Amino acid sequence: MSPFIYSMCQKPIVGLAMATVALCEFPQLIKDAPLKLSEAGTVVTADVEVPVDLSYTLQLEVSNPAGDSLSKQEISILGDRRMEDCIEGTDLSKVSKQERASYGRPMAFKVEVRRKADNTVIHSRLVNTMCVASKWANQRSRSLGNIPLARGMYSIRVENVDAQTGLDHLSSNLALAPSIDRPLTAQR
């Protein structure tokens, strides 16, 4: 997508019209990249080409491959509370036991993004996720952060820091998709 078309997609009326005829679609840069949660130190790497200057959301998606609903134990591990309802910086010792359980188990991931042209690290973080970005009966997703990226080629590396027990038979994948509502703040 060209910068001109992208800018037109951001206009209230023109963007709506363009979106209805599918001119404003932003493809996922990573889709269904498997990441083993049961083993600490598992790594997923992917090379991506960023076509439009945007902020991109990296998500971990965990689902039951059979399509069955998640068990109560799996929901207690992954969480049931949406991120909007989680208050960042909350002292969890002051939260009721029932409310704390809805946050799910903390999960840690190392996320690193390098520009391919010069191997420069443009994003490096240890992310501790709690709460879910989205939820369905058979799936939960957690955000690993928003990463502003300018057009170009990048190498993305995600490492599972701790083994997560109790999720062995579930499928877990990474996805990197545009955050249309977040402006670009990356430097070229």
N, C-alpha and C. Protein backbone atom coordinates (compact mmCIF):
# COMPACT_ATOMS: atom_id res chain seq x y z
N MET A 1 0.85 -1.16 0.00
CA MET A 1 0.00 0.00 0.00
C MET A 1 0.90 1.23 0.00
N SER A 2 0.59 2.15 -0.87
CA SER A 2 1.39 3.37 -0.98
C SER A 2 1.05 4.33 0.15
N PRO A 3 1.97 5.23 0.48
CA PRO A 3 1.68 6.23 1.52
C PRO A 3 0.45 7.09 1.19
N PHE A 4 0.24 7.38 -0.12
CA PHE A 4 -0.94 8.17 -0.50
C PHE A 4 -2.23 7.43 -0.17
N ILE A 5 -2.30 6.16 -0.56
CA ILE A 5 -3.51 5.38 -0.27
C ILE A 5 -3.70 5.25 1.23
N TYR A 6 -2.60 5.03 1.95
CA TYR A 6 -2.70 4.94 3.41
C TYR A 6 -3.27 6.23 3.99
N SER A 7 -2.78 7.37 3.53
CA SER A 7 -3.28 8.65 4.06
C SER A 7 -4.75 8.84 3.72
N MET A 8 -5.17 8.38 2.55
CA MET A 8 -6.59 8.49 2.18
C MET A 8 -7.45 7.57 3.06
N CYS A 9 -6.92 6.43 3.45
CA CYS A 9 -7.66 5.50 4.32
C CYS A 9 -7.89 6.11 5.70
N GLN A 10 -7.08 7.10 6.08
CA GLN A 10 -7.21 7.73 7.38
C GLN A 10 -8.28 8.83 7.41
N LYS A 11 -8.75 9.24 6.24
CA LYS A 11 -9.77 10.29 6.16
C LYS A 11 -11.13 9.72 6.55
N PRO A 12 -11.93 10.46 7.33
CA PRO A 12 -13.20 9.93 7.84
C PRO A 12 -14.15 9.40 6.76
N ILE A 13 -14.53 10.19 5.81
CA ILE A 13 -15.52 9.75 4.81
C ILE A 13 -14.86 8.95 3.70
N VAL A 14 -13.76 9.47 3.16
CA VAL A 14 -13.07 8.78 2.08
C VAL A 14 -12.56 7.42 2.56
N GLY A 15 -11.99 7.37 3.77
CA GLY A 15 -11.48 6.10 4.31
C GLY A 15 -12.57 5.07 4.48
N LEU A 16 -13.75 5.48 4.94
CA LEU A 16 -14.87 4.57 5.09
C LEU A 16 -15.28 4.01 3.74
N ALA A 17 -15.35 4.89 2.74
CA ALA A 17 -15.72 4.44 1.39
C ALA A 17 -14.67 3.48 0.83
N MET A 18 -13.40 3.80 1.05
CA MET A 18 -12.33 2.94 0.55
C MET A 18 -12.32 1.59 1.28
N ALA A 19 -12.62 1.61 2.57
CA ALA A 19 -12.64 0.36 3.34
C ALA A 19 -13.78 -0.54 2.88
N THR A 20 -14.91 0.03 2.49
CA THR A 20 -16.04 -0.80 2.04
C THR A 20 -15.73 -1.54 0.75
N VAL A 21 -14.82 -1.02 -0.06
CA VAL A 21 -14.44 -1.72 -1.29
C VAL A 21 -13.07 -2.38 -1.14
N ALA A 22 -12.65 -2.59 0.10
CA ALA A 22 -11.44 -3.34 0.45
C ALA A 22 -10.15 -2.71 -0.06
N LEU A 23 -10.11 -1.39 -0.15
CA LEU A 23 -8.87 -0.72 -0.54
C LEU A 23 -7.98 -0.38 0.65
N CYS A 24 -8.51 -0.55 1.86
CA CYS A 24 -7.75 -0.18 3.06
C CYS A 24 -7.41 -1.40 3.91
N GLU A 25 -7.15 -2.50 3.29
CA GLU A 25 -6.78 -3.69 4.05
C GLU A 25 -5.29 -3.66 4.36
N PHE A 26 -4.97 -3.97 5.60
CA PHE A 26 -3.59 -4.03 6.04
C PHE A 26 -3.30 -5.48 6.42
N PRO A 27 -2.46 -6.17 5.68
CA PRO A 27 -2.22 -7.59 5.96
C PRO A 27 -1.44 -7.82 7.24
N GLN A 28 -1.67 -9.00 7.83
CA GLN A 28 -0.85 -9.40 8.98
C GLN A 28 0.55 -9.69 8.46
N LEU A 29 1.55 -9.27 9.21
CA LEU A 29 2.93 -9.52 8.81
C LEU A 29 3.41 -10.88 9.28
N ILE A 30 2.89 -11.33 10.41
CA ILE A 30 3.15 -12.68 10.91
C ILE A 30 1.79 -13.28 11.23
N LYS A 31 1.57 -14.50 10.78
CA LYS A 31 0.30 -15.16 11.06
C LYS A 31 0.58 -16.63 11.36
N ASP A 32 0.06 -17.08 12.47
CA ASP A 32 0.14 -18.50 12.85
C ASP A 32 1.57 -19.03 12.94
N ALA A 33 2.48 -18.28 13.53
CA ALA A 33 3.83 -18.76 13.77
C ALA A 33 3.83 -19.50 15.11
N PRO A 34 3.98 -20.84 15.09
CA PRO A 34 3.88 -21.62 16.33
C PRO A 34 4.98 -21.30 17.34
N LEU A 35 4.56 -21.19 18.61
CA LEU A 35 5.49 -20.96 19.72
C LEU A 35 5.12 -21.92 20.83
N LYS A 36 6.07 -22.81 21.20
CA LYS A 36 5.82 -23.77 22.28
C LYS A 36 5.84 -23.07 23.62
N LEU A 37 4.74 -23.18 24.36
CA LEU A 37 4.68 -22.57 25.68
C LEU A 37 5.16 -23.53 26.76
N SER A 38 5.19 -24.82 26.47
CA SER A 38 5.53 -25.81 27.48
C SER A 38 7.03 -25.90 27.76
N GLU A 39 7.85 -25.26 26.93
CA GLU A 39 9.30 -25.30 27.11
C GLU A 39 9.87 -23.89 27.25
N ALA A 40 10.65 -23.68 28.28
CA ALA A 40 11.32 -22.39 28.45
C ALA A 40 12.42 -22.26 27.40
N GLY A 41 12.60 -21.06 26.89
CA GLY A 41 13.68 -20.82 25.93
C GLY A 41 13.31 -21.07 24.48
N THR A 42 12.07 -21.49 24.20
CA THR A 42 11.69 -21.67 22.79
C THR A 42 11.64 -20.32 22.10
N VAL A 43 12.11 -20.31 20.86
CA VAL A 43 12.24 -19.06 20.11
C VAL A 43 11.53 -19.16 18.77
N VAL A 44 10.88 -18.08 18.39
CA VAL A 44 10.32 -17.93 17.04
C VAL A 44 11.00 -16.73 16.42
N THR A 45 11.52 -16.91 15.20
CA THR A 45 12.07 -15.77 14.47
C THR A 45 11.34 -15.68 13.13
N ALA A 46 11.17 -14.46 12.68
CA ALA A 46 10.50 -14.25 11.39
C ALA A 46 11.06 -12.99 10.76
N ASP A 47 11.26 -13.05 9.45
CA ASP A 47 11.63 -11.87 8.68
C ASP A 47 10.35 -11.32 8.07
N VAL A 48 10.14 -10.02 8.22
CA VAL A 48 8.92 -9.41 7.70
C VAL A 48 9.27 -8.17 6.89
N GLU A 49 8.43 -7.89 5.90
CA GLU A 49 8.54 -6.66 5.13
C GLU A 49 7.38 -5.77 5.52
N VAL A 50 7.69 -4.61 6.03
CA VAL A 50 6.67 -3.65 6.46
C VAL A 50 6.33 -2.76 5.27
N PRO A 51 5.08 -2.83 4.78
CA PRO A 51 4.72 -2.06 3.59
C PRO A 51 4.28 -0.62 3.88
N VAL A 52 3.83 -0.36 5.13
CA VAL A 52 3.28 0.94 5.49
C VAL A 52 3.80 1.33 6.87
N ASP A 53 4.15 2.60 7.05
CA ASP A 53 4.58 3.11 8.35
C ASP A 53 3.39 3.07 9.31
N LEU A 54 3.43 2.14 10.25
CA LEU A 54 2.35 1.99 11.23
C LEU A 54 2.92 1.41 12.52
N SER A 55 2.09 1.40 13.53
CA SER A 55 2.38 0.67 14.75
C SER A 55 1.74 -0.71 14.58
N TYR A 56 2.49 -1.76 14.90
CA TYR A 56 2.01 -3.13 14.73
C TYR A 56 1.89 -3.80 16.09
N THR A 57 0.83 -4.59 16.28
CA THR A 57 0.59 -5.29 17.54
C THR A 57 1.06 -6.73 17.42
N LEU A 58 1.92 -7.13 18.36
CA LEU A 58 2.39 -8.51 18.43
C LEU A 58 1.51 -9.23 19.45
N GLN A 59 0.89 -10.34 19.03
CA GLN A 59 -0.01 -11.06 19.92
C GLN A 59 0.32 -12.54 19.97
N LEU A 60 0.08 -13.11 21.14
CA LEU A 60 0.14 -14.55 21.35
C LEU A 60 -1.30 -15.04 21.34
N GLU A 61 -1.59 -15.98 20.46
CA GLU A 61 -2.93 -16.55 20.37
C GLU A 61 -2.88 -18.00 20.81
N VAL A 62 -3.69 -18.36 21.79
CA VAL A 62 -3.73 -19.72 22.32
C VAL A 62 -5.13 -20.26 22.11
N SER A 63 -5.24 -21.44 21.48
CA SER A 63 -6.57 -21.98 21.20
C SER A 63 -6.58 -23.49 21.30
N ASN A 64 -7.77 -24.03 21.40
CA ASN A 64 -7.97 -25.47 21.40
C ASN A 64 -8.08 -25.89 19.94
N PRO A 65 -7.12 -26.68 19.43
CA PRO A 65 -7.14 -27.04 18.02
C PRO A 65 -8.37 -27.87 17.62
N ALA A 66 -9.00 -28.53 18.59
CA ALA A 66 -10.19 -29.33 18.29
C ALA A 66 -11.44 -28.44 18.18
N GLY A 67 -11.31 -27.17 18.59
CA GLY A 67 -12.44 -26.26 18.54
C GLY A 67 -13.31 -26.29 19.78
N ASP A 68 -13.00 -27.20 20.72
CA ASP A 68 -13.78 -27.28 21.96
C ASP A 68 -13.48 -26.07 22.84
N SER A 69 -14.40 -25.77 23.73
CA SER A 69 -14.20 -24.68 24.68
C SER A 69 -13.01 -24.97 25.58
N LEU A 70 -12.35 -23.91 26.04
CA LEU A 70 -11.25 -24.06 26.97
C LEU A 70 -11.79 -24.53 28.32
N SER A 71 -10.99 -25.31 29.03
CA SER A 71 -11.39 -25.79 30.35
C SER A 71 -11.26 -24.66 31.37
N LYS A 72 -11.87 -24.84 32.54
CA LYS A 72 -11.76 -23.84 33.60
C LYS A 72 -10.30 -23.64 34.00
N GLN A 73 -9.54 -24.73 34.04
CA GLN A 73 -8.12 -24.63 34.40
C GLN A 73 -7.36 -23.81 33.36
N GLU A 74 -7.61 -24.05 32.07
CA GLU A 74 -6.92 -23.30 31.01
C GLU A 74 -7.30 -21.82 31.06
N ILE A 75 -8.57 -21.54 31.33
CA ILE A 75 -9.01 -20.14 31.44
C ILE A 75 -8.35 -19.47 32.64
N SER A 76 -8.19 -20.22 33.74
CA SER A 76 -7.55 -19.63 34.92
C SER A 76 -6.08 -19.33 34.66
N ILE A 77 -5.43 -20.10 33.78
CA ILE A 77 -4.03 -19.85 33.43
C ILE A 77 -3.93 -18.67 32.46
N LEU A 78 -4.77 -18.68 31.43
CA LEU A 78 -4.70 -17.64 30.38
C LEU A 78 -5.35 -16.33 30.79
N GLY A 79 -6.33 -16.42 31.67
CA GLY A 79 -7.03 -15.22 32.12
C GLY A 79 -8.37 -15.07 31.45
N ASP A 80 -9.23 -14.29 32.11
CA ASP A 80 -10.56 -14.05 31.58
C ASP A 80 -10.86 -12.55 31.54
N ARG A 81 -10.00 -11.77 32.16
CA ARG A 81 -10.19 -10.32 32.23
C ARG A 81 -9.51 -9.67 31.03
N ARG A 82 -10.25 -8.80 30.35
CA ARG A 82 -9.68 -8.10 29.20
C ARG A 82 -8.70 -7.02 29.65
N MET A 83 -7.73 -6.72 28.81
CA MET A 83 -6.68 -5.75 29.13
C MET A 83 -7.25 -4.40 29.54
N GLU A 84 -8.34 -3.98 28.91
CA GLU A 84 -8.94 -2.68 29.24
C GLU A 84 -9.38 -2.63 30.70
N ASP A 85 -9.71 -3.81 31.27
CA ASP A 85 -10.16 -3.88 32.65
C ASP A 85 -9.02 -4.09 33.64
N CYS A 86 -7.84 -4.39 33.13
CA CYS A 86 -6.66 -4.54 33.99
C CYS A 86 -6.04 -3.18 34.18
N ILE A 87 -5.76 -2.85 35.39
CA ILE A 87 -5.17 -1.56 35.68
C ILE A 87 -3.67 -1.75 35.80
N GLU A 88 -2.92 -1.14 34.88
CA GLU A 88 -1.46 -1.27 34.88
C GLU A 88 -0.89 -0.70 36.18
N GLY A 89 0.04 -1.42 36.77
CA GLY A 89 0.66 -0.96 38.00
C GLY A 89 -0.15 -1.29 39.24
N THR A 90 -1.22 -2.07 39.08
CA THR A 90 -2.05 -2.43 40.23
C THR A 90 -1.24 -3.29 41.18
N ASP A 91 -1.33 -2.99 42.47
CA ASP A 91 -0.70 -3.81 43.50
C ASP A 91 -1.59 -5.04 43.69
N LEU A 92 -1.16 -6.17 43.13
CA LEU A 92 -1.99 -7.37 43.13
C LEU A 92 -2.23 -7.92 44.53
N SER A 93 -1.40 -7.51 45.51
CA SER A 93 -1.63 -7.97 46.89
C SER A 93 -2.88 -7.33 47.48
N LYS A 94 -3.34 -6.24 46.87
CA LYS A 94 -4.52 -5.54 47.36
C LYS A 94 -5.79 -5.90 46.57
N VAL A 95 -5.64 -6.80 45.62
CA VAL A 95 -6.77 -7.23 44.79
C VAL A 95 -7.34 -8.51 45.39
N SER A 96 -8.67 -8.64 45.37
CA SER A 96 -9.29 -9.85 45.92
C SER A 96 -8.79 -11.08 45.18
N LYS A 97 -8.82 -12.22 45.86
CA LYS A 97 -8.32 -13.47 45.29
C LYS A 97 -9.10 -13.83 44.02
N GLN A 98 -10.40 -13.64 44.03
CA GLN A 98 -11.23 -13.96 42.86
C GLN A 98 -10.89 -13.03 41.69
N GLU A 99 -10.75 -11.73 41.98
CA GLU A 99 -10.41 -10.77 40.93
C GLU A 99 -9.02 -11.06 40.38
N ARG A 100 -8.07 -11.37 41.25
CA ARG A 100 -6.70 -11.69 40.84
C ARG A 100 -6.67 -12.91 39.92
N ALA A 101 -7.51 -13.90 40.21
CA ALA A 101 -7.56 -15.12 39.39
C ALA A 101 -7.99 -14.80 37.96
N SER A 102 -8.82 -13.79 37.78
CA SER A 102 -9.30 -13.47 36.43
C SER A 102 -8.21 -12.82 35.57
N TYR A 103 -7.09 -12.38 36.18
CA TYR A 103 -5.99 -11.80 35.42
C TYR A 103 -5.19 -12.88 34.69
N GLY A 104 -5.27 -14.12 35.18
CA GLY A 104 -4.49 -15.20 34.59
C GLY A 104 -3.07 -15.22 35.13
N ARG A 105 -2.31 -16.21 34.70
CA ARG A 105 -0.92 -16.37 35.13
C ARG A 105 -0.02 -15.41 34.34
N PRO A 106 0.90 -14.72 35.02
CA PRO A 106 1.85 -13.88 34.28
C PRO A 106 2.72 -14.75 33.37
N MET A 107 2.96 -14.28 32.17
CA MET A 107 3.82 -14.99 31.21
C MET A 107 4.85 -14.00 30.69
N ALA A 108 6.11 -14.43 30.67
CA ALA A 108 7.20 -13.55 30.24
C ALA A 108 7.75 -13.96 28.87
N PHE A 109 8.00 -12.94 28.04
CA PHE A 109 8.56 -13.15 26.71
C PHE A 109 9.59 -12.07 26.43
N LYS A 110 10.68 -12.46 25.75
CA LYS A 110 11.66 -11.48 25.27
C LYS A 110 11.31 -11.19 23.81
N VAL A 111 11.15 -9.92 23.50
CA VAL A 111 10.81 -9.51 22.13
C VAL A 111 11.91 -8.60 21.61
N GLU A 112 12.43 -8.94 20.43
CA GLU A 112 13.48 -8.13 19.83
C GLU A 112 13.18 -7.95 18.34
N VAL A 113 13.31 -6.70 17.87
CA VAL A 113 13.12 -6.39 16.46
C VAL A 113 14.37 -5.71 15.96
N ARG A 114 14.91 -6.22 14.84
CA ARG A 114 16.11 -5.65 14.23
C ARG A 114 15.81 -5.22 12.79
N ARG A 115 16.33 -4.08 12.40
CA ARG A 115 16.23 -3.64 11.02
C ARG A 115 17.21 -4.50 10.21
N LYS A 116 16.76 -5.11 9.13
CA LYS A 116 17.59 -6.03 8.34
C LYS A 116 18.75 -5.32 7.65
N ALA A 117 18.54 -4.09 7.19
CA ALA A 117 19.55 -3.39 6.40
C ALA A 117 20.87 -3.24 7.15
N ASP A 118 20.80 -2.92 8.45
CA ASP A 118 22.03 -2.67 9.21
C ASP A 118 22.10 -3.45 10.53
N ASN A 119 21.14 -4.36 10.75
CA ASN A 119 21.08 -5.21 11.94
C ASN A 119 20.93 -4.41 13.24
N THR A 120 20.40 -3.19 13.15
CA THR A 120 20.21 -2.34 14.31
C THR A 120 18.99 -2.80 15.11
N VAL A 121 19.16 -2.92 16.43
CA VAL A 121 18.04 -3.27 17.30
C VAL A 121 17.17 -2.02 17.44
N ILE A 122 15.90 -2.13 17.03
CA ILE A 122 15.01 -0.98 17.16
C ILE A 122 13.96 -1.19 18.25
N HIS A 123 13.86 -2.41 18.74
CA HIS A 123 12.90 -2.70 19.82
C HIS A 123 13.42 -3.93 20.57
N SER A 124 13.59 -3.79 21.87
CA SER A 124 14.04 -4.92 22.69
C SER A 124 13.39 -4.77 24.06
N ARG A 125 12.58 -5.76 24.42
CA ARG A 125 11.87 -5.69 25.71
C ARG A 125 11.63 -7.07 26.28
N LEU A 126 11.58 -7.09 27.61
CA LEU A 126 11.08 -8.25 28.32
C LEU A 126 9.64 -7.90 28.66
N VAL A 127 8.70 -8.67 28.12
CA VAL A 127 7.28 -8.39 28.27
C VAL A 127 6.67 -9.41 29.22
N ASN A 128 6.01 -8.92 30.26
CA ASN A 128 5.26 -9.79 31.17
C ASN A 128 3.78 -9.55 30.90
N THR A 129 3.11 -10.54 30.34
CA THR A 129 1.71 -10.36 29.97
C THR A 129 0.79 -10.90 31.05
N MET A 130 -0.30 -10.21 31.23
CA MET A 130 -1.42 -10.66 32.07
C MET A 130 -2.67 -10.16 31.39
N CYS A 131 -3.78 -10.76 31.68
CA CYS A 131 -5.07 -10.41 31.07
C CYS A 131 -5.04 -10.73 29.58
N VAL A 132 -6.18 -10.66 28.95
CA VAL A 132 -6.29 -11.06 27.56
C VAL A 132 -6.64 -9.86 26.68
N ALA A 133 -6.16 -9.92 25.45
CA ALA A 133 -6.49 -8.88 24.47
C ALA A 133 -7.84 -9.21 23.83
N SER A 134 -8.11 -10.50 23.66
CA SER A 134 -9.40 -10.95 23.12
C SER A 134 -9.69 -12.34 23.66
N LYS A 135 -10.97 -12.69 23.64
CA LYS A 135 -11.33 -14.02 24.16
C LYS A 135 -12.57 -14.54 23.46
N TRP A 136 -12.57 -15.84 23.26
CA TRP A 136 -13.70 -16.60 22.76
C TRP A 136 -13.77 -17.87 23.59
N ALA A 137 -14.76 -18.67 23.36
CA ALA A 137 -14.93 -19.90 24.13
C ALA A 137 -13.71 -20.82 24.00
N ASN A 138 -13.13 -20.89 22.79
CA ASN A 138 -12.02 -21.82 22.56
C ASN A 138 -10.68 -21.13 22.33
N GLN A 139 -10.60 -19.81 22.57
CA GLN A 139 -9.35 -19.10 22.29
C GLN A 139 -9.18 -17.89 23.22
N ARG A 140 -7.92 -17.58 23.52
CA ARG A 140 -7.55 -16.37 24.24
C ARG A 140 -6.32 -15.80 23.53
N SER A 141 -6.19 -14.50 23.52
CA SER A 141 -4.97 -13.88 23.00
C SER A 141 -4.46 -12.87 24.00
N ARG A 142 -3.14 -12.72 24.02
CA ARG A 142 -2.48 -11.75 24.89
C ARG A 142 -1.59 -10.86 24.04
N SER A 143 -1.55 -9.59 24.40
CA SER A 143 -0.71 -8.65 23.67
C SER A 143 0.72 -8.70 24.20
N LEU A 144 1.67 -8.74 23.27
CA LEU A 144 3.09 -8.67 23.63
C LEU A 144 3.64 -7.28 23.31
N GLY A 145 2.73 -6.36 22.99
CA GLY A 145 3.13 -4.98 22.79
C GLY A 145 2.85 -4.44 21.41
N ASN A 146 2.90 -3.11 21.33
CA ASN A 146 2.78 -2.40 20.06
C ASN A 146 4.16 -1.92 19.66
N ILE A 147 4.50 -2.16 18.39
CA ILE A 147 5.83 -1.83 17.90
C ILE A 147 5.69 -0.92 16.69
N PRO A 148 6.10 0.35 16.80
CA PRO A 148 6.04 1.23 15.64
C PRO A 148 7.15 0.87 14.65
N LEU A 149 6.76 0.67 13.38
CA LEU A 149 7.72 0.27 12.35
C LEU A 149 7.54 1.13 11.10
N ALA A 150 8.65 1.60 10.56
CA ALA A 150 8.65 2.31 9.30
C ALA A 150 8.83 1.27 8.18
N ARG A 151 8.49 1.66 6.96
CA ARG A 151 8.64 0.73 5.83
C ARG A 151 10.05 0.16 5.78
N GLY A 152 10.13 -1.13 5.44
CA GLY A 152 11.43 -1.78 5.32
C GLY A 152 11.36 -3.23 5.76
N MET A 153 12.53 -3.86 5.81
CA MET A 153 12.65 -5.27 6.20
C MET A 153 13.13 -5.35 7.65
N TYR A 154 12.53 -6.29 8.41
CA TYR A 154 12.87 -6.46 9.82
C TYR A 154 12.97 -7.94 10.15
N SER A 155 13.73 -8.23 11.18
CA SER A 155 13.80 -9.58 11.74
C SER A 155 13.22 -9.49 13.15
N ILE A 156 12.26 -10.34 13.43
CA ILE A 156 11.58 -10.34 14.73
C ILE A 156 11.89 -11.64 15.44
N ARG A 157 12.26 -11.52 16.71
CA ARG A 157 12.60 -12.68 17.53
C ARG A 157 11.78 -12.62 18.82
N VAL A 158 11.07 -13.71 19.13
CA VAL A 158 10.29 -13.80 20.36
C VAL A 158 10.71 -15.07 21.08
N GLU A 159 11.07 -14.92 22.35
CA GLU A 159 11.50 -16.06 23.17
C GLU A 159 10.55 -16.24 24.35
N ASN A 160 10.11 -17.47 24.55
CA ASN A 160 9.31 -17.82 25.72
C ASN A 160 10.26 -18.00 26.89
N VAL A 161 10.16 -17.16 27.90
CA VAL A 161 11.12 -17.17 29.00
C VAL A 161 10.88 -18.33 29.96
N ASP A 162 9.62 -18.59 30.33
CA ASP A 162 9.29 -19.63 31.31
C ASP A 162 8.37 -20.69 30.71
N ALA A 163 8.57 -21.93 31.13
CA ALA A 163 7.66 -23.01 30.70
C ALA A 163 6.29 -22.78 31.34
N GLN A 164 5.25 -22.96 30.55
CA GLN A 164 3.88 -22.78 31.03
C GLN A 164 3.21 -24.15 31.09
N THR A 165 3.00 -24.65 32.28
CA THR A 165 2.35 -25.95 32.45
C THR A 165 0.84 -25.77 32.39
N GLY A 166 0.15 -26.84 32.00
CA GLY A 166 -1.30 -26.83 31.96
C GLY A 166 -1.88 -26.41 30.63
N LEU A 167 -1.03 -26.09 29.66
CA LEU A 167 -1.51 -25.67 28.34
C LEU A 167 -0.98 -26.58 27.23
N ASP A 168 -0.55 -27.78 27.62
CA ASP A 168 0.17 -28.68 26.71
C ASP A 168 -0.59 -29.04 25.44
N HIS A 169 -1.89 -29.28 25.53
CA HIS A 169 -2.60 -29.74 24.33
C HIS A 169 -3.21 -28.59 23.52
N LEU A 170 -2.93 -27.35 23.93
CA LEU A 170 -3.43 -26.19 23.18
C LEU A 170 -2.42 -25.75 22.13
N SER A 171 -2.92 -25.11 21.11
CA SER A 171 -2.09 -24.56 20.05
C SER A 171 -1.76 -23.12 20.40
N SER A 172 -0.50 -22.71 20.27
CA SER A 172 -0.12 -21.32 20.56
C SER A 172 0.68 -20.77 19.39
N ASN A 173 0.26 -19.60 18.93
CA ASN A 173 0.86 -18.97 17.75
C ASN A 173 1.08 -17.48 17.98
N LEU A 174 2.01 -16.94 17.23
CA LEU A 174 2.25 -15.50 17.24
C LEU A 174 1.63 -14.87 16.01
N ALA A 175 1.16 -13.63 16.17
CA ALA A 175 0.63 -12.85 15.05
C ALA A 175 1.13 -11.43 15.19
N LEU A 176 1.43 -10.80 14.07
CA LEU A 176 1.84 -9.39 14.04
C LEU A 176 0.94 -8.70 13.03
N ALA A 177 0.08 -7.83 13.54
CA ALA A 177 -0.90 -7.16 12.69
C ALA A 177 -0.87 -5.66 12.92
N PRO A 178 -1.29 -4.90 11.93
CA PRO A 178 -1.30 -3.43 12.07
C PRO A 178 -2.26 -2.97 13.16
N SER A 179 -1.87 -1.92 13.87
CA SER A 179 -2.74 -1.26 14.84
C SER A 179 -3.20 0.02 14.16
N ILE A 180 -4.29 -0.04 13.49
CA ILE A 180 -4.77 1.09 12.69
C ILE A 180 -4.99 2.32 13.56
N ASP A 181 -5.37 2.11 14.81
CA ASP A 181 -5.68 3.24 15.68
C ASP A 181 -4.46 3.88 16.33
N ARG A 182 -3.26 3.36 16.05
CA ARG A 182 -2.05 3.92 16.67
C ARG A 182 -1.17 4.57 15.61
N PRO A 183 -0.83 5.84 15.77
CA PRO A 183 0.03 6.50 14.80
C PRO A 183 1.47 6.02 14.91
N LEU A 184 2.20 6.19 13.84
CA LEU A 184 3.60 5.79 13.81
C LEU A 184 4.44 6.79 14.57
N THR A 185 5.33 6.26 15.42
CA THR A 185 6.27 7.12 16.12
C THR A 185 7.69 6.61 15.96
N ALA A 186 7.87 5.67 15.03
CA ALA A 186 9.21 5.09 14.82
C ALA A 186 10.10 6.08 14.07
N GLN A 187 11.38 5.92 14.28
CA GLN A 187 12.34 6.72 13.54
C GLN A 187 12.88 5.88 12.40
N ARG A 188 13.17 6.52 11.31
CA ARG A 188 13.71 5.78 10.15
C ARG A 188 15.18 5.57 10.29
